[in-house]
C-alpha atoms as a PDB file:
ATOM      1  CA  MET A   1      28.510  15.555 229.678  1.00  0.00           C
ATOM      2  CA  THR A   2      26.112  18.167 229.069  1.00  0.00           C
ATOM      3  CA  ALA A   3      22.052  17.986 230.329  1.00  0.00           C
ATOM      4  CA  ALA A   4      19.496  17.191 227.331  1.00  0.00           C
ATOM      5  CA  GLY A   5      19.181  19.925 224.770  1.00  0.00           C
ATOM      6  CA  ALA A   6      22.641  20.808 225.151  1.00  0.00           C
ATOM      7  CA  VAL A   7      25.318  22.161 223.281  1.00  0.00           C
ATOM      8  CA  ALA A   8      29.175  21.498 223.745  1.00  0.00           C
ATOM      9  CA  ALA A   9      31.737  21.959 221.244  1.00  0.00           C
ATOM     10  CA  LEU A  10      35.190  23.021 221.006  1.00  0.00           C
ATOM     11  CA  LEU A  11      36.153  26.119 218.364  1.00  0.00           C
ATOM     12  CA  ASP A  12      39.327  27.281 216.891  1.00  0.00           C
ATOM     13  CA  GLY A  13      40.936  23.441 217.058  1.00  0.00           C
ATOM     14  CA  GLY A  14      39.760  22.705 220.634  1.00  0.00           C
ATOM     15  CA  HIS A  15      41.114  26.368 222.113  1.00  0.00           C
ATOM     16  CA  ARG A  16      37.769  27.800 222.698  1.00  0.00           C
ATOM     17  CA  LEU A  17      34.910  26.035 223.783  1.00  0.00           C
ATOM     18  CA  HIS A  18      31.046  26.673 223.023  1.00  0.00           C
ATOM     19  CA  LEU A  19      28.546  25.572 225.474  1.00  0.00           C
ATOM     20  CA  GLN A  20      24.733  26.607 225.037  1.00  0.00           C
ATOM     21  CA  HIS A  21      21.445  25.055 226.440  1.00  0.00           C
ATOM     22  CA  GLY A  22      18.198  27.537 225.850  1.00  0.00           C
ATOM     23  CA  PRO A  23      18.703  31.169 226.256  1.00  0.00           C
ATOM     24  CA  ILE A  24      22.338  30.290 227.835  1.00  0.00           C
ATOM     25  CA  ASP A  25      25.101  30.870 225.030  1.00  0.00           C
ATOM     26  CA  LEU A  26      28.575  31.046 226.271  1.00  0.00           C
ATOM     27  CA  ILE A  27      32.079  31.237 224.450  1.00  0.00           C
ATOM     28  CA  ILE A  28      34.623  30.455 227.124  1.00  0.00           C
ATOM     29  CA  GLY A  29      38.418  30.794 226.297  1.00  0.00           C
ATOM     30  CA  ALA A  30      41.551  29.538 228.870  1.00  0.00           C
ATOM     31  CA  ASP A  31      45.293  30.357 229.242  1.00  0.00           C
ATOM     32  CA  ALA A  32      46.510  27.734 231.471  1.00  0.00           C
ATOM     33  CA  ARG A  33      49.825  27.807 233.518  1.00  0.00           C
ATOM     34  CA  VAL A  34      49.936  23.939 233.640  1.00  0.00           C
ATOM     35  CA  PRO A  35      50.236  21.331 230.816  1.00  0.00           C
ATOM     36  CA  GLY A  36      46.421  19.999 230.202  1.00  0.00           C
ATOM     37  CA  GLY A  37      45.316  23.172 231.894  1.00  0.00           C
ATOM     38  CA  ARG A  38      43.205  24.584 229.237  1.00  0.00           C
ATOM     39  CA  ASN A  39      41.336  21.013 228.697  1.00  0.00           C
ATOM     40  CA  ARG A  40      40.800  20.241 231.989  1.00  0.00           C
ATOM     41  CA  ALA A  41      39.316  23.858 232.706  1.00  0.00           C
ATOM     42  CA  PHE A  42      37.108  23.175 230.005  1.00  0.00           C
ATOM     43  CA  ALA A  43      35.729  20.047 231.519  1.00  0.00           C
ATOM     44  CA  ALA A  44      34.960  22.017 234.642  1.00  0.00           C
ATOM     45  CA  ALA A  45      33.305  24.630 232.653  1.00  0.00           C
ATOM     46  CA  ALA A  46      31.415  21.808 231.048  1.00  0.00           C
ATOM     47  CA  ALA A  47      30.495  20.069 234.119  1.00  0.00           C
ATOM     48  CA  ARG A  48      29.222  23.309 235.862  1.00  0.00           C
ATOM     49  CA  PHE A  49      27.134  24.014 233.083  1.00  0.00           C
ATOM     50  CA  ASP A  50      25.305  21.027 233.197  1.00  0.00           C
ATOM     51  CA  GLY A  51      21.957  21.451 235.044  1.00  0.00           C
ATOM     52  CA  LEU A  52      22.565  25.100 235.467  1.00  0.00           C
ATOM     53  CA  LEU A  53      19.527  25.934 233.859  1.00  0.00           C
ATOM     54  CA  GLU A  54      17.247  23.832 235.319  1.00  0.00           C
ATOM     55  CA  GLU A  55      18.831  25.127 238.562  1.00  0.00           C
ATOM     56  CA  LEU A  56      17.513  28.900 237.490  1.00  0.00           C
ATOM     57  CA  VAL A  57      14.345  27.949 236.235  1.00  0.00           C
ATOM     58  CA  ALA A  58      13.482  25.836 239.624  1.00  0.00           C
ATOM     59  CA  GLU A  59      13.616  29.808 241.340  1.00  0.00           C
ATOM     60  CA  LEU A  60      12.714  31.577 238.411  1.00  0.00           C
ATOM     61  CA  PRO A  61       9.145  32.759 239.666  1.00  0.00           C
ATOM     62  CA  ALA A  62      11.216  34.884 242.975  1.00  0.00           C
ATOM     63  CA  LEU A  63      13.825  35.514 240.293  1.00  0.00           C
ATOM     64  CA  ARG A  64      11.734  37.647 238.663  1.00  0.00           C
ATOM     65  CA  ALA A  65      10.202  39.605 241.574  1.00  0.00           C
ATOM     66  CA  ARG A  66      11.012  43.002 242.221  1.00  0.00           C
ATOM     67  CA  VAL A  67      13.991  42.900 244.413  1.00  0.00           C
ATOM     68  CA  THR A  68      13.042  44.878 248.317  1.00  0.00           C
ATOM     69  CA  ALA A  69      15.192  44.503 251.387  1.00  0.00           C
ATOM     70  CA  GLY A  70      11.912  42.153 252.816  1.00  0.00           C
ATOM     71  CA  LEU A  71      12.747  39.568 249.205  1.00  0.00           C
ATOM     72  CA  PRO A  72      14.140  36.420 250.510  1.00  0.00           C
ATOM     73  CA  ALA A  73      17.214  35.912 249.151  1.00  0.00           C
ATOM     74  CA  PRO A  74      17.278  32.893 246.632  1.00  0.00           C
ATOM     75  CA  GLN A  75      19.212  29.423 246.870  1.00  0.00           C
ATOM     76  CA  GLY A  76      20.834  28.630 244.202  1.00  0.00           C
ATOM     77  CA  SER A  77      24.594  29.595 243.281  1.00  0.00           C
ATOM     78  CA  VAL A  78      24.284  31.469 240.225  1.00  0.00           C
ATOM     79  CA  ALA A  79      20.950  33.045 241.940  1.00  0.00           C
ATOM     80  CA  ARG A  80      22.395  34.328 245.036  1.00  0.00           C
ATOM     81  CA  ARG A  81      25.296  35.948 242.921  1.00  0.00           C
ATOM     82  CA  MET A  82      22.278  37.256 240.487  1.00  0.00           C
ATOM     83  CA  HIS A  83      20.567  38.803 244.167  1.00  0.00           C
ATOM     84  CA  ALA A  84      24.164  40.081 245.293  1.00  0.00           C
ATOM     85  CA  ALA A  85      24.507  41.975 241.662  1.00  0.00           C
ATOM     86  CA  VAL A  86      21.000  43.784 241.966  1.00  0.00           C
ATOM     87  CA  ARG A  87      20.657  44.256 245.411  1.00  0.00           C
ATOM     88  CA  PRO A  88      22.464  47.701 245.351  1.00  0.00           C
ATOM     89  CA  HIS A  89      19.869  49.376 242.490  1.00  0.00           C
ATOM     90  CA  ALA A  90      17.287  48.308 244.434  1.00  0.00           C
ATOM     91  CA  ASP A  91      16.248  52.156 245.053  1.00  0.00           C
ATOM     92  CA  VAL A  92      14.187  51.803 241.511  1.00  0.00           C
ATOM     93  CA  PHE A  93      13.124  48.873 240.212  1.00  0.00           C
ATOM     94  CA  ILE A  94      15.034  45.962 239.585  1.00  0.00           C
ATOM     95  CA  THR A  95      14.898  42.048 239.564  1.00  0.00           C
ATOM     96  CA  CYS A  96      17.384  39.670 239.952  1.00  0.00           C
ATOM     97  CA  MET A  97      17.419  38.995 235.854  1.00  0.00           C
ATOM     98  CA  ALA A  98      19.133  42.340 235.157  1.00  0.00           C
ATOM     99  CA  ALA A  99      22.299  40.085 236.328  1.00  0.00           C
ATOM    100  CA  VAL A 100      21.412  37.071 235.121  1.00  0.00           C
ATOM    101  CA  ALA A 101      24.026  36.656 231.979  1.00  0.00           C
ATOM    102  CA  GLY A 102      26.833  38.288 233.886  1.00  0.00           C
ATOM    103  CA  ALA A 103      25.671  35.718 236.554  1.00  0.00           C
ATOM    104  CA  VAL A 104      25.956  32.625 234.429  1.00  0.00           C
ATOM    105  CA  ALA A 105      29.493  33.634 233.154  1.00  0.00           C
ATOM    106  CA  ASP A 106      30.685  34.478 236.792  1.00  0.00           C
ATOM    107  CA  GLU A 107      29.875  30.863 237.619  1.00  0.00           C
ATOM    108  CA  VAL A 108      31.347  28.860 234.738  1.00  0.00           C
ATOM    109  CA  LEU A 109      34.760  30.859 235.363  1.00  0.00           C
ATOM    110  CA  ALA A 110      34.773  30.307 238.836  1.00  0.00           C
ATOM    111  CA  ALA A 111      34.626  26.569 238.290  1.00  0.00           C
ATOM    112  CA  MET A 112      37.452  27.011 235.927  1.00  0.00           C
ATOM    113  CA  THR A 113      39.713  28.811 237.751  1.00  0.00           C
ATOM    114  CA  ALA A 114      38.414  26.695 241.192  1.00  0.00           C
ATOM    115  CA  ALA A 115      39.780  23.384 238.948  1.00  0.00           C
ATOM    116  CA  VAL A 116      43.116  24.654 237.384  1.00  0.00           C
ATOM    117  CA  PRO A 117      45.514  27.353 237.503  1.00  0.00           C
ATOM    118  CA  LEU A 118      44.815  29.673 234.520  1.00  0.00           C
ATOM    119  CA  ALA A 119      46.812  32.604 233.355  1.00  0.00           C
ATOM    120  CA  ARG A 120      43.987  34.390 232.123  1.00  0.00           C
ATOM    121  CA  ALA A 121      40.491  33.384 231.207  1.00  0.00           C
ATOM    122  CA  TYR A 122      37.063  34.615 229.757  1.00  0.00           C
ATOM    123  CA  VAL A 123      33.359  32.991 229.577  1.00  0.00           C
ATOM    124  CA  ASN A 124      31.196  35.399 227.539  1.00  0.00           C
ATOM    125  CA  ASN A 125      27.869  34.679 227.674  1.00  0.00           C
ATOM    126  CA  GLY A 126      26.436  36.954 224.796  1.00  0.00           C
ATOM    127  CA  GLY A 127      28.539  39.690 225.150  1.00  0.00           C
ATOM    128  CA  ASP A 128      28.426  39.893 229.008  1.00  0.00           C
ATOM    129  CA  ILE A 129      31.944  38.566 230.021  1.00  0.00           C
ATOM    130  CA  ALA A 130      33.247  37.717 233.342  1.00  0.00           C
ATOM    131  CA  ILE A 131      37.013  37.820 232.710  1.00  0.00           C
ATOM    132  CA  HIS A 132      40.406  36.083 235.088  1.00  0.00           C
ATOM    133  CA  LEU A 133      43.702  37.525 234.469  1.00  0.00           C
ATOM    134  CA  GLY A 134      46.537  36.326 236.090  1.00  0.00           C
ATOM    135  CA  GLU A 135      49.816  38.652 236.989  1.00  0.00           C
ATOM    136  CA  GLY A 136      51.249  40.086 233.448  1.00  0.00           C
ATOM    137  CA  ALA A 137      48.126  39.207 231.674  1.00  0.00           C
ATOM    138  CA  SER A 138      45.289  41.051 229.884  1.00  0.00           C
ATOM    139  CA  PHE A 139      42.429  41.867 227.989  1.00  0.00           C
ATOM    140  CA  ALA A 140      40.980  43.588 224.831  1.00  0.00           C
ATOM    141  CA  SER A 141      37.734  43.868 223.442  1.00  0.00           C
ATOM    142  CA  ALA A 142      35.842  46.072 220.615  1.00  0.00           C
ATOM    143  CA  MET A 143      32.412  48.007 221.478  1.00  0.00           C
ATOM    144  CA  ALA A 144      29.889  47.835 218.409  1.00  0.00           C
ATOM    145  CA  GLY A 145      27.162  50.174 217.703  1.00  0.00           C
ATOM    146  CA  LEU A 146      23.763  48.763 216.339  1.00  0.00           C
ATOM    147  CA  ASP A 147      24.734  49.046 213.162  1.00  0.00           C
ATOM    148  CA  GLY A 148      28.075  47.027 213.515  1.00  0.00           C
ATOM    149  CA  ARG A 149      29.815  50.479 213.568  1.00  0.00           C
ATOM    150  CA  ASP A 150      32.871  50.247 216.209  1.00  0.00           C
ATOM    151  CA  LEU A 151      32.253  52.530 218.586  1.00  0.00           C
ATOM    152  CA  GLY A 152      35.648  51.865 221.023  1.00  0.00           C
ATOM    153  CA  ARG A 153      38.225  49.458 222.739  1.00  0.00           C
ATOM    154  CA  ILE A 154      38.291  48.739 225.774  1.00  0.00           C
ATOM    155  CA  ALA A 155      41.678  46.936 227.398  1.00  0.00           C
ATOM    156  CA  ILE A 156      42.024  45.535 230.877  1.00  0.00           C
ATOM    157  CA  SER A 157      45.021  44.391 232.574  1.00  0.00           C
ATOM    158  CA  ALA A 158      45.556  42.308 235.787  1.00  0.00           C
ATOM    159  CA  GLY A 159      45.058  44.416 238.588  1.00  0.00           C
ATOM    160  CA  GLU A 160      43.049  46.368 238.210  1.00  0.00           C
ATOM    161  CA  GLY A 161      40.060  44.837 240.027  1.00  0.00           C
ATOM    162  CA  ILE A 162      38.465  44.717 236.943  1.00  0.00           C
ATOM    163  CA  GLY A 163      36.508  41.044 236.078  1.00  0.00           C
ATOM    164  CA  GLY A 164      33.601  41.513 234.173  1.00  0.00           C
ATOM    165  CA  ILE A 165      32.168  43.670 231.191  1.00  0.00           C
ATOM    166  CA  ALA A 166      28.373  43.945 230.271  1.00  0.00           C
ATOM    167  CA  THR A 167      26.038  46.003 227.786  1.00  0.00           C
ATOM    168  CA  SER A 168      23.056  46.882 227.628  1.00  0.00           C
ATOM    169  CA  GLY A 169      20.484  49.076 225.790  1.00  0.00           C
ATOM    170  CA  ALA A 170      17.499  49.294 224.175  1.00  0.00           C
ATOM    171  CA  GLY A 171      19.501  47.247 220.902  1.00  0.00           C
ATOM    172  CA  GLY A 172      20.355  44.380 223.080  1.00  0.00           C
ATOM    173  CA  ARG A 173      18.758  41.180 223.544  1.00  0.00           C
ATOM    174  CA  SER A 174      16.650  41.974 226.933  1.00  0.00           C
ATOM    175  CA  PHE A 175      14.087  45.122 227.115  1.00  0.00           C
ATOM    176  CA  SER A 176      15.039  48.074 227.684  1.00  0.00           C
ATOM    177  CA  LEU A 177      13.205  51.332 230.205  1.00  0.00           C
ATOM    178  CA  GLY A 178      15.680  53.591 228.415  1.00  0.00           C
ATOM    179  CA  ILE A 179      16.876  54.437 224.580  1.00  0.00           C
ATOM    180  CA  ALA A 180      20.312  53.959 224.666  1.00  0.00           C
ATOM    181  CA  ASP A 181      22.223  52.433 221.497  1.00  0.00           C
ATOM    182  CA  SER A 182      23.801  50.825 223.972  1.00  0.00           C
ATOM    183  CA  VAL A 183      25.556  51.377 227.773  1.00  0.00           C
ATOM    184  CA  THR A 184      28.534  49.144 228.391  1.00  0.00           C
ATOM    185  CA  VAL A 185      29.971  48.726 231.592  1.00  0.00           C
ATOM    186  CA  LEU A 186      33.151  47.491 233.690  1.00  0.00           C
ATOM    187  CA  ALA A 187      32.977  45.933 237.485  1.00  0.00           C
ATOM    188  CA  ARG A 188      34.127  43.543 239.647  1.00  0.00           C
ATOM    189  CA  SER A 189      32.249  40.957 238.268  1.00  0.00           C
ATOM    190  CA  ALA A 190      30.317  40.099 235.498  1.00  0.00           C
ATOM    191  CA  ALA A 191      26.554  40.062 237.163  1.00  0.00           C
ATOM    192  CA  GLU A 192      27.764  43.485 238.888  1.00  0.00           C
ATOM    193  CA  ALA A 193      28.908  44.666 235.696  1.00  0.00           C
ATOM    194  CA  ASP A 194      25.030  43.325 234.016  1.00  0.00           C
ATOM    195  CA  ALA A 195      23.286  44.922 236.787  1.00  0.00           C
ATOM    196  CA  ALA A 196      24.698  48.581 236.413  1.00  0.00           C
ATOM    197  CA  ALA A 197      24.702  48.343 232.558  1.00  0.00           C
ATOM    198  CA  THR A 198      20.675  48.065 233.024  1.00  0.00           C
ATOM    199  CA  MET A 199      20.004  50.247 235.323  1.00  0.00           C
ATOM    200  CA  ILE A 200      22.166  53.157 233.202  1.00  0.00           C
ATOM    201  CA  ALA A 201      20.590  52.034 229.862  1.00  0.00           C
ATOM    202  CA  ASN A 202      17.528  52.560 232.030  1.00  0.00           C
ATOM    203  CA  ALA A 203      18.298  56.066 232.663  1.00  0.00           C
ATOM    204  CA  VAL A 204      19.277  57.067 229.214  1.00  0.00           C
ATOM    205  CA  ASP A 205      16.211  58.678 228.490  1.00  0.00           C
ATOM    206  CA  ILE A 206      13.533  61.444 227.713  1.00  0.00           C
ATOM    207  CA  PRO A 207      10.441  60.488 229.742  1.00  0.00           C
ATOM    208  CA  GLY A 208       7.376  61.982 227.405  1.00  0.00           C
ATOM    209  CA  HIS A 209       8.585  62.341 224.635  1.00  0.00           C
ATOM    210  CA  PRO A 210       6.423  62.063 221.719  1.00  0.00           C
ATOM    211  CA  GLY A 211       7.963  60.106 219.319  1.00  0.00           C
ATOM    212  CA  ILE A 212       9.672  57.635 221.578  1.00  0.00           C
ATOM    213  CA  ARG A 213       7.595  54.137 220.856  1.00  0.00           C
ATOM    214  CA  ARG A 214       6.533  52.363 223.804  1.00  0.00           C
ATOM    215  CA  GLN A 215       4.776  49.263 224.878  1.00  0.00           C
ATOM    216  CA  ARG A 216       4.165  47.111 227.684  1.00  0.00           C
ATOM    217  CA  ALA A 217       6.389  43.986 228.221  1.00  0.00           C
ATOM    218  CA  ARG A 218       4.041  41.927 229.344  1.00  0.00           C
ATOM    219  CA  ASP A 219       2.283  42.785 225.742  1.00  0.00           C
ATOM    220  CA  LEU A 220       5.487  42.099 224.050  1.00  0.00           C
ATOM    221  CA  GLN A 221       6.247  38.984 226.258  1.00  0.00           C
ATOM    222  CA  PRO A 222       3.913  37.383 228.497  1.00  0.00           C
ATOM    223  CA  ASP A 223       6.385  36.717 231.771  1.00  0.00           C
ATOM    224  CA  SER A 224       8.666  38.921 231.322  1.00  0.00           C
ATOM    225  CA  ASP A 225       9.855  40.289 234.591  1.00  0.00           C
ATOM    226  CA  LEU A 226       9.209  43.707 234.230  1.00  0.00           C
ATOM    227  CA  GLY A 227       5.359  42.938 233.868  1.00  0.00           C
ATOM    228  CA  VAL A 228       3.455  46.516 232.552  1.00  0.00           C
ATOM    229  CA  ARG A 229       5.901  48.974 232.191  1.00  0.00           C
ATOM    230  CA  LEU A 230       6.658  50.428 229.638  1.00  0.00           C
ATOM    231  CA  VAL A 231       9.703  49.238 227.483  1.00  0.00           C
ATOM    232  CA  VAL A 232      10.957  50.747 224.461  1.00  0.00           C
ATOM    233  CA  THR A 233      10.289  49.691 221.090  1.00  0.00           C
ATOM    234  CA  GLY A 234      10.872  52.893 218.582  1.00  0.00           C
ATOM    235  CA  VAL A 235      13.436  55.950 219.036  1.00  0.00           C
ATOM    236  CA  PRO A 236      13.047  58.737 216.239  1.00  0.00           C
ATOM    237  CA  VAL A 237      16.194  60.467 214.777  1.00  0.00           C
ATOM    238  CA  LEU A 238      16.528  62.945 217.661  1.00  0.00           C
ATOM    239  CA  ALA A 239      17.722  66.864 218.015  1.00  0.00           C
ATOM    240  CA  THR A 240      21.541  67.061 218.917  1.00  0.00           C
ATOM    241  CA  ALA A 241      19.911  68.631 222.807  1.00  0.00           C
ATOM    242  CA  GLU A 242      17.660  65.667 223.132  1.00  0.00           C
ATOM    243  CA  ILE A 243      20.655  63.466 222.454  1.00  0.00           C
ATOM    244  CA  ALA A 244      22.379  65.482 224.948  1.00  0.00           C
ATOM    245  CA  GLN A 245      19.628  65.487 227.538  1.00  0.00           C
ATOM    246  CA  ALA A 246      19.033  61.549 227.509  1.00  0.00           C
ATOM    247  CA  LEU A 247      23.039  60.770 228.195  1.00  0.00           C
ATOM    248  CA  ASP A 248      23.592  63.226 230.567  1.00  0.00           C
ATOM    249  CA  ALA A 249      20.682  61.575 232.776  1.00  0.00           C
ATOM    250  CA  GLY A 250      22.058  58.541 232.018  1.00  0.00           C
ATOM    251  CA  ALA A 251      25.746  59.735 232.631  1.00  0.00           C
ATOM    252  CA  ALA A 252      24.736  60.993 236.378  1.00  0.00           C
ATOM    253  CA  ARG A 253      23.140  57.610 236.842  1.00  0.00           C
ATOM    254  CA  ALA A 254      26.970  56.127 236.246  1.00  0.00           C
ATOM    255  CA  ALA A 255      28.772  58.706 238.036  1.00  0.00           C
ATOM    256  CA  ALA A 256      26.628  57.710 241.145  1.00  0.00           C
ATOM    257  CA  LEU A 257      27.094  54.275 240.831  1.00  0.00           C
ATOM    258  CA  LEU A 258      30.754  55.156 240.338  1.00  0.00           C
ATOM    259  CA  ALA A 259      30.980  57.252 243.426  1.00  0.00           C
ATOM    260  CA  ARG A 260      29.857  54.081 245.178  1.00  0.00           C
ATOM    261  CA  GLY A 261      32.824  51.954 244.113  1.00  0.00           C
ATOM    262  CA  ARG A 262      29.828  49.921 241.850  1.00  0.00           C
ATOM    263  CA  ILE A 263      31.505  50.510 238.408  1.00  0.00           C
ATOM    264  CA  ALA A 264      34.763  51.082 237.376  1.00  0.00           C
ATOM    265  CA  ALA A 265      34.023  52.758 233.876  1.00  0.00           C
ATOM    266  CA  ALA A 266      31.135  53.317 231.970  1.00  0.00           C
ATOM    267  CA  ALA A 267      30.534  54.108 228.109  1.00  0.00           C
ATOM    268  CA  LEU A 268      27.420  55.431 227.315  1.00  0.00           C
ATOM    269  CA  PHE A 269      26.149  55.878 222.977  1.00  0.00           C
ATOM    270  CA  LEU A 270      23.114  57.529 221.556  1.00  0.00           C
ATOM    271  CA  GLN A 271      22.650  58.315 218.011  1.00  0.00           C
ATOM    272  CA  GLY A 272      26.453  59.432 217.856  1.00  0.00           C
ATOM    273  CA  GLY A 273      26.471  60.787 221.135  1.00  0.00           C
ATOM    274  CA  GLN A 274      28.802  59.202 223.976  1.00  0.00           C
ATOM    275  CA  ARG A 275      29.414  60.085 227.211  1.00  0.00           C
ATOM    276  CA  LEU A 276      32.090  57.914 228.869  1.00  0.00           C
ATOM    277  CA  VAL A 277      32.186  57.779 233.278  1.00  0.00           C
ATOM    278  CA  GLY A 278      35.065  57.051 235.038  1.00  0.00           C
ATOM    279  CA  ASP A 279      38.841  58.260 235.595  1.00  0.00           C
ATOM    280  CA  ARG A 280      40.405  55.925 232.841  1.00  0.00           C
ATOM    281  CA  TYR A 281      43.722  57.223 233.289  1.00  0.00           C
ATOM    282  CA  ASP A 282      43.896  56.798 236.910  1.00  0.00           C
ATOM    283  CA  ARG A 283      42.445  53.686 236.811  1.00  0.00           C
ATOM    284  CA  GLU A 284      44.157  52.181 233.996  1.00  0.00           C
ATOM    285  CA  VAL A 285      41.607  51.302 232.406  1.00  0.00           C
ATOM    286  CA  ARG A 286      41.391  52.561 228.586  1.00  0.00           C
ATOM    287  CA  MET A 287      37.875  53.020 226.964  1.00  0.00           C
ATOM    288  CA  GLU A 288      38.481  54.703 223.627  1.00  0.00           C
ATOM    289  CA  GLU A 289      36.731  56.256 221.113  1.00  0.00           C
ATOM    290  CA  VAL A 290      37.768  54.445 217.338  1.00  0.00           C
ATOM    291  CA  THR A 291      37.716  57.407 215.140  1.00  0.00           C
ATOM    292  CA  HIS A 292      39.364  54.895 211.914  1.00  0.00           C
ATOM    293  CA  ALA A 293      38.670  51.753 210.679  1.00  0.00           C
ATOM    294  CA  GLU A 294      41.259  49.074 211.045  1.00  0.00           C
ATOM    295  CA  SER A 295      42.738  47.344 207.570  1.00  0.00           C
END
């Protein structure tokens, strides 16, 4: 059973599960190692989903506060995942909300893998994806632009230490301080990928550019965790050198996170330009550009 106002529905003849409550919208898949395992995994996901939003709302003021060394850790298990994911980025402004989508996906996936042996499973929370891969399993996903254009493929195999994919940018569901069309990150967990994608996307910017429109986050959404900080609301057509400048700034941030072991790879996109960060071949993680449409 799910909480009042929540939605739970099986999709594709029972092969996938849809869970939705308020802003949380999950698509879940699982391949089990035992008969009936998928249904058991889906039941565990639904059970953990029940009350999850209420847990987050109970700690919302703290989760919207700037993370500092002195900020007490939150109490709930999802909130603790959020806090752990954002703390490494506390050298600049960040709140726990930067990892909320990924942390929710991680939490629901953990409930599934604890309930039953799974060969492969994923929890997709609006494009931020928590992934479990058993021996020999793999996972593939596509990266799409704001216009729906295919930007590339992500392919992950078991044993690579990657448990999460997340995407952020000025065209996403949340406000961004930067101008990236999108930034996709691979990391150990969805929460870590979510936080890193947010930080890298914020760094893709041209400070002081007169054509970039910005507004105070609070003026657009009174309860935004970004408060009076200026978020991007419009980006003009940029010169090639400006695109390179913005992408280079984001790539530098991504490279620093890679060097610290916080991410496995990142793909940054802005108005036809791109940067790929990470030694993809040594890590056997492919984030490849697609140059033609598939039939």
